[in-house]
């Protein structure tokens, strides 16, 4: 077999793949970064929907709204920059193989690199927090060089990425990946790509699909299982008042996080395991949230909108998993992913609590004459924060070790949210990137001849 041309191949040029590829390149390794989508021009004003005829998927049990960006940069194109560290209790509750002692140095590095900046809490949020006994934090966001939010295409390693390369499966022998089979959408060629190490960051569903298509045998037990996401309840509060001037309101005016206030102790225990936080954004114009139709045109500028999004943490369940659809193929002939979805009674209670918390918060914020409009029901699966399909954990149950190294193939690492036990009780991106650094560091130790792992 020919000698590998690359030290490492990273699949997926979204946030986690970018961070992992950059880290490996910084160690002096020859890195090839691939993405299944095209490279968008800088002038692109919005992300178009994925063509589901070319890239189908199916569901069993419940419909699923899969937020996909098939382009270099991935879902960071949709990211609002929210960047919070997971609290210690969230890591312990989900059985993370590492804690804040291990993650804090990585958080520090990422916050410096991404220019994570803290805003100012709007006074009306502070007052409502005091009244309801809630912890309200200012928005913390990653700032970009060319825009308000960091995007992966800003990074030099992404400018060298190979676009329109679809990873299909691994060829392997004796517990090691020998080649990654990929298809070029530009030429139609089947490309056997060889490296000493491989890092998957294609998204939890796509990463599971690649591994399931690779016929890994009994050692891959658990791959595709334990699909989790955030349960989301979204509302918009419309008030009969003008949008306040941003002058003097500080950075990220009107954006804040209400920290989780359930399952903290016996007094706040619930019948579900996780917690939930609430993101607030506003007041802003109705045009900005595409709700100008809700009031007569001559009253438009006399109204304002505040978005209220609750993010509930889900835990693995045997009836939620990803496998391959035996009847559907995508544009390159690969089996399409199939998502099996279901709710438990405890999660239905979580949905009720999310609705109640959002409406109570809206009631406390609202002025007379306001309206609360439900936008997303929490029992509609698909929040865009999927995780868990190749989770880290103990060897008897988990496909990956505590640094994201795949147990079935000892030169493959999972750097995306597939490796996370849950999506946490708040926006997961900063923690996802910390995991990507941790996985890349372990891959670099392997390439350098060290033992790696924990």
Protein backbone atom coordinates (compact mmCIF):
# COMPACT_ATOMS: atom_id res chain seq x y z
CA UNK A 1 0.00 0.00 0.00
CA UNK A 2 1.38 3.47 -0.84
CA UNK A 3 2.83 5.52 2.01
CA UNK A 4 0.40 8.11 3.42
CA UNK A 5 0.77 11.52 1.82
CA UNK A 6 -0.71 13.25 4.86
CA UNK A 7 -0.07 13.04 8.57
CA UNK A 8 -3.71 13.80 9.33
CA UNK A 9 -6.94 14.14 7.37
CA UNK A 10 -9.72 16.17 9.01
CA UNK A 11 -13.26 15.68 7.66
CA UNK A 12 -15.47 18.75 8.02
CA UNK A 13 -14.45 22.41 7.78
CA UNK A 14 -16.94 23.66 10.34
CA UNK A 15 -15.92 25.06 13.74
CA UNK A 16 -14.63 21.85 15.34
CA UNK A 17 -12.85 20.62 12.21
CA UNK A 18 -11.21 24.01 11.74
CA UNK A 19 -9.94 24.13 15.30
CA UNK A 20 -8.66 20.53 15.13
CA UNK A 21 -6.93 21.03 11.76
CA UNK A 22 -5.32 24.26 12.89
CA UNK A 23 -4.05 22.63 16.08
CA UNK A 24 -2.51 19.70 14.19
CA UNK A 25 -0.90 22.03 11.67
CA UNK A 26 0.57 24.07 14.52
CA UNK A 27 2.40 20.93 15.67
CA UNK A 28 4.05 20.79 12.23
CA UNK A 29 1.93 17.97 10.79
CA UNK A 30 0.83 17.82 7.15
CA UNK A 31 -2.94 18.26 7.38
CA UNK A 32 -5.62 17.85 4.72
CA UNK A 33 -8.94 19.50 5.61
CA UNK A 34 -11.98 18.32 3.61
CA UNK A 35 -15.55 19.56 3.36
CA UNK A 36 -18.50 18.08 1.49
CA UNK A 37 -19.86 21.50 0.54
CA UNK A 38 -18.68 24.32 -1.69
CA UNK A 39 -16.62 27.32 -0.68
CA UNK A 40 -19.02 30.25 -0.44
CA UNK A 41 -18.02 33.63 -1.88
CA UNK A 42 -17.41 36.38 0.66
CA UNK A 43 -20.30 38.27 -0.85
CA UNK A 44 -22.78 35.51 0.08
CA UNK A 45 -25.45 37.21 2.16
CA UNK A 46 -27.24 34.09 3.37
CA UNK A 47 -26.94 30.32 3.45
CA UNK A 48 -29.20 28.44 1.08
CA UNK A 49 -31.08 25.31 2.14
CA UNK A 50 -29.49 21.91 1.58
CA UNK A 51 -30.90 20.09 -1.45
CA UNK A 52 -32.68 17.18 0.23
CA UNK A 53 -33.05 15.35 -3.07
CA UNK A 54 -29.26 15.16 -3.38
CA UNK A 55 -28.63 14.61 0.35
CA UNK A 56 -31.70 12.82 1.74
CA UNK A 57 -32.35 11.45 5.20
CA UNK A 58 -35.32 9.68 6.75
CA UNK A 59 -36.91 9.54 10.19
CA UNK A 60 -38.76 6.95 12.25
CA UNK A 61 -41.16 7.89 15.06
CA UNK A 62 -41.07 11.69 14.79
CA UNK A 63 -40.21 14.26 12.11
CA UNK A 64 -36.86 15.99 12.51
CA UNK A 65 -35.79 19.46 11.44
CA UNK A 66 -32.13 18.93 10.59
CA UNK A 67 -30.29 22.25 10.42
CA UNK A 68 -27.58 21.60 7.84
CA UNK A 69 -25.14 23.95 6.14
CA UNK A 70 -23.35 22.00 3.44
CA UNK A 71 -20.59 24.53 2.84
CA UNK A 72 -17.08 25.30 4.05
CA UNK A 73 -17.61 26.85 7.48
CA UNK A 74 -20.53 24.60 8.38
CA UNK A 75 -23.15 25.68 10.86
CA UNK A 76 -20.93 28.48 12.12
CA UNK A 77 -22.56 30.45 9.29
CA UNK A 78 -25.75 30.34 11.41
CA UNK A 79 -24.04 30.83 14.78
CA UNK A 80 -24.88 33.88 16.87
CA UNK A 81 -21.53 33.64 18.67
CA UNK A 82 -22.88 32.54 22.08
CA UNK A 83 -19.82 31.25 23.96
CA UNK A 84 -20.28 29.94 27.51
CA UNK A 85 -18.31 27.45 29.56
CA UNK A 86 -20.22 24.44 30.86
CA UNK A 87 -20.59 24.63 34.66
CA UNK A 88 -19.05 21.89 36.74
CA UNK A 89 -22.43 20.43 37.66
CA UNK A 90 -23.34 19.93 33.98
CA UNK A 91 -20.16 17.97 33.30
CA UNK A 92 -20.58 15.80 36.37
CA UNK A 93 -24.29 15.18 35.76
CA UNK A 94 -23.62 13.96 32.20
CA UNK A 95 -20.69 11.75 33.21
CA UNK A 96 -18.05 13.63 31.23
CA UNK A 97 -14.68 11.85 31.28
CA UNK A 98 -12.98 15.19 32.04
CA UNK A 99 -13.90 18.12 34.25
CA UNK A 100 -13.27 21.83 34.46
CA UNK A 101 -9.68 21.30 35.60
CA UNK A 102 -8.93 19.76 32.19
CA UNK A 103 -11.21 22.06 30.17
CA UNK A 104 -10.41 25.45 31.72
CA UNK A 105 -6.98 25.85 30.04
CA UNK A 106 -8.62 25.02 26.70
CA UNK A 107 -11.44 27.46 27.38
CA UNK A 108 -8.81 30.12 28.12
CA UNK A 109 -7.02 29.48 24.82
CA UNK A 110 -10.24 29.55 22.81
CA UNK A 111 -11.57 32.70 24.42
CA UNK A 112 -8.34 34.50 23.60
CA UNK A 113 -8.20 33.17 20.05
CA UNK A 114 -11.88 33.85 19.26
CA UNK A 115 -11.91 37.21 21.07
CA UNK A 116 -14.75 36.12 23.32
CA UNK A 117 -16.20 39.31 24.77
CA UNK A 118 -18.77 39.91 27.49
CA UNK A 119 -21.63 42.32 27.06
CA UNK A 120 -23.78 44.21 29.52
CA UNK A 121 -27.05 42.95 30.99
CA UNK A 122 -30.03 45.17 30.15
CA UNK A 123 -31.45 46.75 33.30
CA UNK A 124 -34.92 45.34 32.70
CA UNK A 125 -33.44 41.82 32.64
CA UNK A 126 -31.61 42.53 35.88
CA UNK A 127 -34.82 43.67 37.52
CA UNK A 128 -36.79 40.64 36.34
CA UNK A 129 -33.98 38.37 37.53
CA UNK A 130 -34.08 39.94 40.98
CA UNK A 131 -37.87 39.67 41.11
CA UNK A 132 -37.96 36.01 40.03
CA UNK A 133 -34.81 34.90 41.83
CA UNK A 134 -32.95 34.05 38.60
CA UNK A 135 -29.27 34.32 37.72
CA UNK A 136 -29.00 36.50 34.59
CA UNK A 137 -25.64 36.61 32.81
CA UNK A 138 -24.50 38.96 30.03
CA UNK A 139 -24.04 37.49 26.57
CA UNK A 140 -20.53 36.23 25.91
CA UNK A 141 -19.74 36.05 22.20
CA UNK A 142 -16.88 35.19 19.85
CA UNK A 143 -16.00 38.19 17.69
CA UNK A 144 -14.90 37.87 14.08
CA UNK A 145 -12.20 39.76 12.22
CA UNK A 146 -14.53 40.73 9.38
CA UNK A 147 -17.93 40.62 11.09
CA UNK A 148 -19.73 40.52 14.41
CA UNK A 149 -19.19 36.74 14.89
CA UNK A 150 -16.17 34.46 14.32
CA UNK A 151 -16.51 32.27 11.22
CA UNK A 152 -14.15 29.38 10.30
CA UNK A 153 -13.45 30.69 6.75
CA UNK A 154 -11.45 33.47 8.40
CA UNK A 155 -8.77 30.92 9.35
CA UNK A 156 -5.72 30.26 7.10
CA UNK A 157 -6.14 26.49 7.44
CA UNK A 158 -9.66 26.75 5.96
CA UNK A 159 -8.45 28.76 3.00
CA UNK A 160 -6.39 25.68 2.09
CA UNK A 161 -9.29 23.25 2.58
CA UNK A 162 -10.47 21.00 -0.25
CA UNK A 163 -14.15 21.76 -0.88
CA UNK A 164 -16.79 19.47 -2.45
CA UNK A 165 -15.14 16.27 -1.16
CA UNK A 166 -17.67 13.86 0.34
CA UNK A 167 -16.28 11.35 2.84
CA UNK A 168 -18.01 7.98 2.39
CA UNK A 169 -16.30 5.30 4.51
CA UNK A 170 -13.05 3.96 5.94
CA UNK A 171 -11.02 1.06 4.64
CA UNK A 172 -9.38 -0.61 7.62
CA UNK A 173 -7.40 -3.61 8.79
CA UNK A 174 -6.30 -4.87 12.20
CA UNK A 175 -8.09 -2.10 14.06
CA UNK A 176 -6.58 0.78 12.08
CA UNK A 177 -7.92 2.98 9.30
CA UNK A 178 -5.88 2.43 6.14
CA UNK A 179 -7.69 4.89 3.86
CA UNK A 180 -10.67 7.19 3.72
CA UNK A 181 -12.83 6.76 0.64
CA UNK A 182 -14.13 10.11 -0.58
CA UNK A 183 -15.84 11.33 -3.75
CA UNK A 184 -15.01 14.58 -5.52
CA UNK A 185 -18.20 16.34 -6.57
CA UNK A 186 -16.18 18.32 -9.11
CA UNK A 187 -14.74 15.36 -11.03
CA UNK A 188 -16.87 12.46 -9.83
CA UNK A 189 -13.72 10.53 -8.94
CA UNK A 190 -13.54 8.07 -6.05
CA UNK A 191 -10.56 9.19 -3.98
CA UNK A 192 -8.72 6.81 -1.60
CA UNK A 193 -7.11 9.28 0.83
CA UNK A 194 -4.38 7.95 3.10
CA UNK A 195 -3.01 9.44 6.32
CA UNK A 196 -1.43 8.34 9.55
CA UNK A 197 -4.36 9.74 11.54
CA UNK A 198 -7.95 10.78 10.79
CA UNK A 199 -10.22 13.25 12.57
CA UNK A 200 -13.98 13.24 11.97
CA UNK A 201 -15.79 16.55 12.43
CA UNK A 202 -18.57 16.16 9.87
CA UNK A 203 -21.46 16.67 12.39
CA UNK A 204 -22.85 13.99 14.74
CA UNK A 205 -25.20 12.50 12.14
CA UNK A 206 -22.71 12.55 9.24
CA UNK A 207 -19.88 11.24 11.42
CA UNK A 208 -22.10 8.34 12.52
CA UNK A 209 -23.05 7.69 8.89
CA UNK A 210 -19.39 7.43 7.80
CA UNK A 211 -18.58 5.02 10.61
CA UNK A 212 -21.72 2.89 10.09
CA UNK A 213 -20.85 2.58 6.40
CA UNK A 214 -17.34 1.36 7.30
CA UNK A 215 -18.38 -2.13 8.55
CA UNK A 216 -16.44 -1.87 11.78
CA UNK A 217 -17.89 -4.98 13.37
CA UNK A 218 -18.57 -5.62 17.07
CA UNK A 219 -15.91 -3.18 18.29
CA UNK A 220 -18.07 -0.33 16.97
CA UNK A 221 -20.88 -1.17 19.39
CA UNK A 222 -22.62 2.07 20.29
CA UNK A 223 -21.83 4.01 17.10
CA UNK A 224 -24.99 5.84 16.07
CA UNK A 225 -26.70 5.22 19.41
CA UNK A 226 -27.56 7.81 22.08
CA UNK A 227 -28.55 10.62 19.72
CA UNK A 228 -29.30 13.73 21.79
CA UNK A 229 -30.02 17.36 21.00
CA UNK A 230 -31.39 20.34 22.81
CA UNK A 231 -35.10 20.52 23.39
CA UNK A 232 -36.04 24.09 22.44
CA UNK A 233 -39.00 26.28 23.29
CA UNK A 234 -39.00 29.60 21.41
CA UNK A 235 -41.28 32.60 21.81
CA UNK A 236 -41.35 36.20 20.63
CA UNK A 237 -42.72 38.89 22.92
CA UNK A 238 -44.22 41.80 20.96
CA UNK A 239 -44.66 45.00 22.95
CA UNK A 240 -46.38 48.25 21.94
CA UNK A 241 -43.30 50.41 22.43
CA UNK A 242 -40.49 51.64 20.16
CA UNK A 243 -37.12 49.93 20.00
CA UNK A 244 -34.75 51.67 22.44
CA UNK A 245 -31.63 53.30 21.10
CA UNK A 246 -28.52 51.10 21.48
CA UNK A 247 -26.55 54.17 22.60
CA UNK A 248 -25.27 53.72 26.13
CA UNK A 249 -26.55 50.15 26.43
CA UNK A 250 -23.13 48.52 26.09
CA UNK A 251 -22.01 45.64 23.90
CA UNK A 252 -24.65 43.08 22.80
CA UNK A 253 -27.52 45.25 24.07
CA UNK A 254 -30.57 43.23 25.01
CA UNK A 255 -28.84 39.82 24.91
CA UNK A 256 -28.52 37.76 28.08
CA UNK A 257 -28.56 34.23 29.47
CA UNK A 258 -30.82 33.05 32.29
CA UNK A 259 -28.90 30.24 33.98
CA UNK A 260 -30.47 26.89 34.73
CA UNK A 261 -32.42 26.85 37.98
CA UNK A 262 -33.55 23.19 38.09
CA UNK A 263 -31.80 20.05 39.36
CA UNK A 264 -29.38 22.12 41.42
CA UNK A 265 -30.32 20.44 44.74
CA UNK A 266 -33.16 18.50 46.36
CA UNK A 267 -35.41 21.57 46.42
CA UNK A 268 -35.09 22.10 42.65
CA UNK A 269 -35.13 18.41 41.60
CA UNK A 270 -37.24 17.46 38.57
CA UNK A 271 -38.29 14.09 37.09
CA UNK A 272 -35.77 14.60 34.24
CA UNK A 273 -31.98 14.58 34.63
CA UNK A 274 -30.81 17.71 32.85
CA UNK A 275 -31.11 21.43 33.25
CA UNK A 276 -32.12 24.25 30.95
CA UNK A 277 -31.12 27.84 30.30
CA UNK A 278 -32.94 30.67 28.53
CA UNK A 279 -31.42 33.01 25.94
CA UNK A 280 -32.91 36.50 25.63
CA UNK A 281 -32.40 38.80 22.64
CA UNK A 282 -34.07 42.20 22.23
CA UNK A 283 -35.85 44.48 22.11
CA UNK A 284 -35.40 44.75 18.35
CA UNK A 285 -37.56 45.77 15.43
CA UNK A 286 -40.23 43.44 14.12
CA UNK A 287 -38.50 43.48 10.72
CA UNK A 288 -35.38 41.93 12.27
CA UNK A 289 -37.37 38.90 13.46
CA UNK A 290 -39.54 38.78 10.32
CA UNK A 291 -42.75 39.58 12.19
CA UNK A 292 -43.69 42.88 10.56
CA UNK A 293 -46.95 41.28 9.44
CA UNK A 294 -48.11 41.06 13.07
CA UNK A 295 -49.06 44.75 13.27
CA UNK A 296 -50.51 47.27 10.81
CA UNK A 297 -47.86 48.95 8.69
CA UNK A 298 -48.43 52.40 10.21
CA UNK A 299 -47.84 50.94 13.71
CA UNK A 300 -44.70 48.98 12.85
CA UNK A 301 -42.20 51.39 14.37
CA UNK A 302 -44.23 51.66 17.53
CA UNK A 303 -43.63 48.00 18.40
CA UNK A 304 -40.64 45.96 19.47
CA UNK A 305 -39.83 42.26 19.79
CA UNK A 306 -37.86 40.22 22.32
CA UNK A 307 -36.86 36.65 21.48
CA UNK A 308 -37.00 34.06 24.28
CA UNK A 309 -35.33 30.68 23.64
CA UNK A 310 -35.13 27.93 26.28
CA UNK A 311 -32.53 25.18 25.73
CA UNK A 312 -33.27 21.93 27.58
CA UNK A 313 -30.66 19.21 28.08
CA UNK A 314 -31.58 15.70 26.90
CA UNK A 315 -29.93 12.46 27.94
CA UNK A 316 -29.46 9.27 25.89
CA UNK A 317 -32.44 7.00 25.35
CA UNK A 318 -32.51 3.60 23.63
CA UNK A 319 -35.20 4.74 21.16
CA UNK A 320 -33.11 7.63 19.81
CA UNK A 321 -30.34 6.63 17.42
CA UNK A 322 -28.97 6.87 13.87
CA UNK A 323 -28.60 4.00 11.43
CA UNK A 324 -28.47 3.65 7.63
CA UNK A 325 -31.58 3.66 5.47
CA UNK A 326 -31.47 0.48 3.32
CA UNK A 327 -33.67 2.06 0.64
CA UNK A 328 -32.24 5.57 0.16
CA UNK A 329 -29.01 6.65 -1.49
CA UNK A 330 -27.52 10.11 -1.81
CA UNK A 331 -25.88 11.86 -4.76
CA UNK A 332 -22.67 9.82 -4.47
CA UNK A 333 -24.43 6.49 -3.92
CA UNK A 334 -23.91 6.29 -0.15
CA UNK A 335 -26.69 5.06 2.13
CA UNK A 336 -28.66 7.93 3.62
CA UNK A 337 -28.82 8.33 7.40
CA UNK A 338 -32.02 7.34 9.19
CA UNK A 339 -32.97 8.98 12.50
CA UNK A 340 -35.04 7.13 15.09
CA UNK A 341 -36.74 9.55 17.49
CA UNK A 342 -39.01 9.34 20.53
CA UNK A 343 -39.86 11.22 23.73
CA UNK A 344 -40.03 9.85 27.26
CA UNK A 345 -42.59 10.93 29.85
CA UNK A 346 -39.88 12.74 31.78
CA UNK A 347 -38.95 14.70 28.64
CA UNK A 348 -42.58 15.62 28.09
CA UNK A 349 -42.43 17.12 31.59
CA UNK A 350 -39.27 18.99 30.57
CA UNK A 351 -41.17 20.39 27.57
CA UNK A 352 -43.91 21.61 29.91
CA UNK A 353 -41.35 23.27 32.19
CA UNK A 354 -39.68 25.00 29.22
CA UNK A 355 -43.01 26.46 28.10
CA UNK A 356 -43.88 27.56 31.63
CA UNK A 357 -40.50 29.18 32.24
CA UNK A 358 -40.63 31.12 28.95
CA UNK A 359 -44.18 32.37 29.52
CA UNK A 360 -43.47 33.39 33.13
CA UNK A 361 -40.38 35.28 32.01
CA UNK A 362 -42.34 36.96 29.23
CA UNK A 363 -45.09 37.94 31.67
CA UNK A 364 -42.51 39.53 33.96
CA UNK A 365 -40.95 41.47 31.06
CA UNK A 366 -44.13 42.54 29.25
CA UNK A 367 -45.76 45.95 29.35
CA UNK A 368 -49.56 46.35 29.01
CA UNK A 369 -50.86 45.48 25.55
CA UNK A 370 -48.09 42.96 24.78
CA UNK A 371 -48.52 39.65 22.94
CA UNK A 372 -46.53 36.43 23.29
CA UNK A 373 -46.18 34.38 20.10
CA UNK A 374 -44.99 30.74 20.23
CA UNK A 375 -42.43 30.05 17.49
CA UNK A 376 -40.94 26.61 18.22
CA UNK A 377 -42.64 23.92 20.30
CA UNK A 378 -40.22 21.91 22.47
CA UNK A 379 -41.68 18.60 21.25
CA UNK A 380 -40.56 19.36 17.69
CA UNK A 381 -37.17 17.56 17.41
CA UNK A 382 -34.27 19.30 15.73
CA UNK A 383 -32.59 22.21 17.47
CA UNK A 384 -29.32 22.11 15.53
CA UNK A 385 -27.20 21.00 18.50
CA UNK A 386 -27.11 17.23 17.91
CA UNK A 387 -24.61 15.21 19.94
CA UNK A 388 -23.83 11.83 21.41
CA UNK A 389 -23.81 9.44 18.43
CA UNK A 390 -20.23 8.38 19.14
CA UNK A 391 -19.94 9.39 22.76
CA UNK A 392 -16.93 9.35 25.06
CA UNK A 393 -17.15 7.10 28.08
CA UNK A 394 -16.13 3.76 29.63
CA UNK A 395 -15.03 0.99 27.24
CA UNK A 396 -17.90 -1.36 27.97
CA UNK A 397 -20.51 1.08 26.60
CA UNK A 398 -18.90 3.99 24.74
CA UNK A 399 -17.40 4.03 21.20
CA UNK A 400 -14.77 6.69 22.16
CA UNK A 401 -12.32 7.10 24.98
CA UNK A 402 -12.13 10.26 27.06
CA UNK A 403 -10.26 12.24 24.40
CA UNK A 404 -12.43 11.28 21.46
CA UNK A 405 -10.29 8.42 20.15
CA UNK A 406 -12.38 5.76 18.44
CA UNK A 407 -11.99 2.36 20.08
CA UNK A 408 -12.75 0.45 16.86
CA UNK A 409 -9.97 2.23 14.90
CA UNK A 410 -7.06 3.44 16.98
CA UNK A 411 -5.94 6.15 14.52
CA UNK A 412 -9.35 7.86 14.25
CA UNK A 413 -10.58 10.66 16.51
CA UNK A 414 -14.04 12.23 16.81
CA UNK A 415 -13.72 16.01 17.17
CA UNK A 416 -17.33 17.06 16.67
CA UNK A 417 -20.31 16.87 19.03
CA UNK A 418 -20.80 13.18 18.24
CA UNK A 419 -18.31 12.58 21.07
CA UNK A 420 -20.13 14.73 23.65
CA UNK A 421 -22.29 12.83 26.17
CA UNK A 422 -24.96 15.56 26.01
CA UNK A 423 -25.36 19.00 24.47
CA UNK A 424 -25.29 20.57 27.95
CA UNK A 425 -27.67 22.99 29.63
CA UNK A 426 -26.61 25.99 27.49
CA UNK A 427 -25.14 26.77 24.08
CA UNK A 428 -22.47 24.09 23.48
CA UNK A 429 -20.11 25.61 20.89
CA UNK A 430 -17.31 26.76 23.20
CA UNK A 431 -17.23 23.37 24.93
CA UNK A 432 -17.39 21.60 21.57
CA UNK A 433 -14.31 23.53 20.43
CA UNK A 434 -12.52 22.71 23.70
CA UNK A 435 -13.18 19.04 22.98
CA UNK A 436 -11.87 19.48 19.42
CA UNK A 437 -8.60 20.87 20.82
CA UNK A 438 -8.38 17.99 23.28
CA UNK A 439 -8.92 15.41 20.52
CA UNK A 440 -6.38 17.12 18.24
CA UNK A 441 -3.79 17.19 21.02
CA UNK A 442 -4.26 13.46 21.55
CA UNK A 443 -3.94 12.80 17.81
CA UNK A 444 -0.76 14.89 17.75
CA UNK A 445 0.71 12.78 20.58
CA UNK A 446 -0.10 9.67 18.57
CA UNK A 447 1.60 11.09 15.48
CA UNK A 448 4.63 12.03 17.54
CA UNK A 449 4.91 8.48 18.88
CA UNK A 450 3.39 9.12 22.31
CA UNK A 451 0.74 6.97 23.92
CA UNK A 452 -2.14 9.48 24.01
CA UNK A 453 -5.41 8.67 25.71
CA UNK A 454 -6.26 9.04 29.37
